[in-house]
């Protein structure tokens, strides 16, 4: 299983990305944390913004995972979106099976 961390500009864009990827069977689950504060450098200036955090769960093989990342890049409104894949060290077997079945 992989967990993909994606900050989004707002809940609407996070929901659109999640719904599209679910319909395309690229992910088994998406979660949206409605409000996070982000601080970062952009074009030489220190910025602060309010964002949503989109978490995606998938178990795609490496080649399909690369396609998923490319698809998120297409769907995301940012010029430079953060699409960070986090490895999962362990997962309970029933959830793993459910996730794999969701991608069929």
Protein backbone atom coordinates (compact mmCIF):
# COMPACT_ATOMS: atom_id res chain seq x y z
CA UNK A 1 0.00 0.00 0.00
CA UNK A 2 1.05 3.56 -0.65
CA UNK A 3 -0.25 6.74 0.92
CA UNK A 4 -0.05 9.82 -1.28
CA UNK A 5 0.05 13.27 0.35
CA UNK A 6 -1.28 16.14 -1.79
CA UNK A 7 -2.00 19.68 -0.56
CA UNK A 8 -4.78 21.33 -2.58
CA UNK A 9 -5.95 24.92 -2.85
CA UNK A 10 -9.46 24.14 -1.61
CA UNK A 11 -11.90 21.35 -0.78
CA UNK A 12 -13.56 21.52 -4.20
CA UNK A 13 -10.34 20.82 -6.11
CA UNK A 14 -9.42 18.02 -3.66
CA UNK A 15 -12.85 16.44 -4.14
CA UNK A 16 -12.59 16.68 -7.95
CA UNK A 17 -9.19 14.97 -7.95
CA UNK A 18 -10.39 12.27 -5.54
CA UNK A 19 -13.60 11.56 -7.44
CA UNK A 20 -11.81 11.32 -10.80
CA UNK A 21 -9.16 8.93 -9.46
CA UNK A 22 -11.79 6.76 -7.75
CA UNK A 23 -13.85 6.57 -10.96
CA UNK A 24 -10.69 5.63 -12.89
CA UNK A 25 -9.94 2.87 -10.31
CA UNK A 26 -6.49 4.34 -9.59
CA UNK A 27 -7.15 4.65 -5.84
CA UNK A 28 -9.26 2.76 -3.34
CA UNK A 29 -9.85 5.59 -0.89
CA UNK A 30 -9.38 9.32 -0.52
CA UNK A 31 -9.51 11.44 2.61
CA UNK A 32 -9.66 15.22 2.79
CA UNK A 33 -8.49 17.17 5.81
CA UNK A 34 -10.43 20.40 5.35
CA UNK A 35 -8.02 23.05 6.54
CA UNK A 36 -4.28 23.22 6.96
CA UNK A 37 -2.00 26.25 7.10
CA UNK A 38 0.97 26.11 4.77
CA UNK A 39 4.11 28.26 4.89
CA UNK A 40 6.53 28.10 1.96
CA UNK A 41 8.79 30.00 -0.39
CA UNK A 42 7.32 30.90 -3.78
CA UNK A 43 9.06 33.07 -6.35
CA UNK A 44 11.45 34.50 -3.75
CA UNK A 45 8.78 35.39 -1.20
CA UNK A 46 7.70 33.72 2.00
CA UNK A 47 4.04 32.79 1.59
CA UNK A 48 1.25 31.57 3.86
CA UNK A 49 -1.94 29.98 2.58
CA UNK A 50 -4.90 27.97 3.72
CA UNK A 51 -5.15 24.62 1.95
CA UNK A 52 -6.83 21.23 2.17
CA UNK A 53 -4.86 18.03 2.47
CA UNK A 54 -5.80 15.19 0.16
CA UNK A 55 -4.63 11.72 1.22
CA UNK A 56 -4.92 8.91 -1.32
CA UNK A 57 -4.60 5.18 -0.66
CA UNK A 58 -3.55 2.81 -3.42
CA UNK A 59 -1.65 -0.39 -4.05
CA UNK A 60 -0.81 0.08 -7.71
CA UNK A 61 2.40 -1.45 -9.08
CA UNK A 62 5.29 0.98 -9.83
CA UNK A 63 4.46 1.60 -13.52
CA UNK A 64 0.81 2.36 -12.77
CA UNK A 65 1.84 4.45 -9.77
CA UNK A 66 3.89 6.70 -12.09
CA UNK A 67 0.80 7.08 -14.27
CA UNK A 68 -1.23 8.01 -11.17
CA UNK A 69 1.26 10.73 -10.24
CA UNK A 70 1.14 12.07 -13.81
CA UNK A 71 -2.67 12.05 -13.70
CA UNK A 72 -2.72 13.98 -10.41
CA UNK A 73 -0.37 16.54 -12.00
CA UNK A 74 -2.85 16.96 -14.88
CA UNK A 75 -5.82 17.39 -12.55
CA UNK A 76 -4.18 19.61 -9.94
CA UNK A 77 -4.63 23.39 -10.27
CA UNK A 78 -1.12 24.30 -8.99
CA UNK A 79 1.81 24.96 -11.33
CA UNK A 80 4.02 22.85 -9.03
CA UNK A 81 1.86 20.49 -6.97
CA UNK A 82 3.31 18.48 -4.11
CA UNK A 83 2.61 14.80 -4.79
CA UNK A 84 4.46 12.90 -2.10
CA UNK A 85 4.29 9.10 -1.84
CA UNK A 86 4.76 7.67 1.62
CA UNK A 87 5.59 3.98 2.04
CA UNK A 88 3.47 2.01 4.47
CA UNK A 89 5.35 -0.40 6.69
CA UNK A 90 2.34 -2.42 7.71
CA UNK A 91 -1.38 -2.76 7.11
CA UNK A 92 -4.01 -5.12 8.44
CA UNK A 93 -4.81 -7.90 5.97
CA UNK A 94 -8.59 -7.30 5.64
CA UNK A 95 -7.98 -3.65 4.73
CA UNK A 96 -5.22 -4.60 2.28
CA UNK A 97 -7.58 -7.05 0.57
CA UNK A 98 -10.36 -4.45 0.43
CA UNK A 99 -7.99 -1.90 -1.08
CA UNK A 100 -6.71 -4.32 -3.73
CA UNK A 101 -10.28 -5.41 -4.58
CA UNK A 102 -11.30 -1.74 -4.93
CA UNK A 103 -8.78 -1.26 -7.73
CA UNK A 104 -10.16 -4.07 -9.90
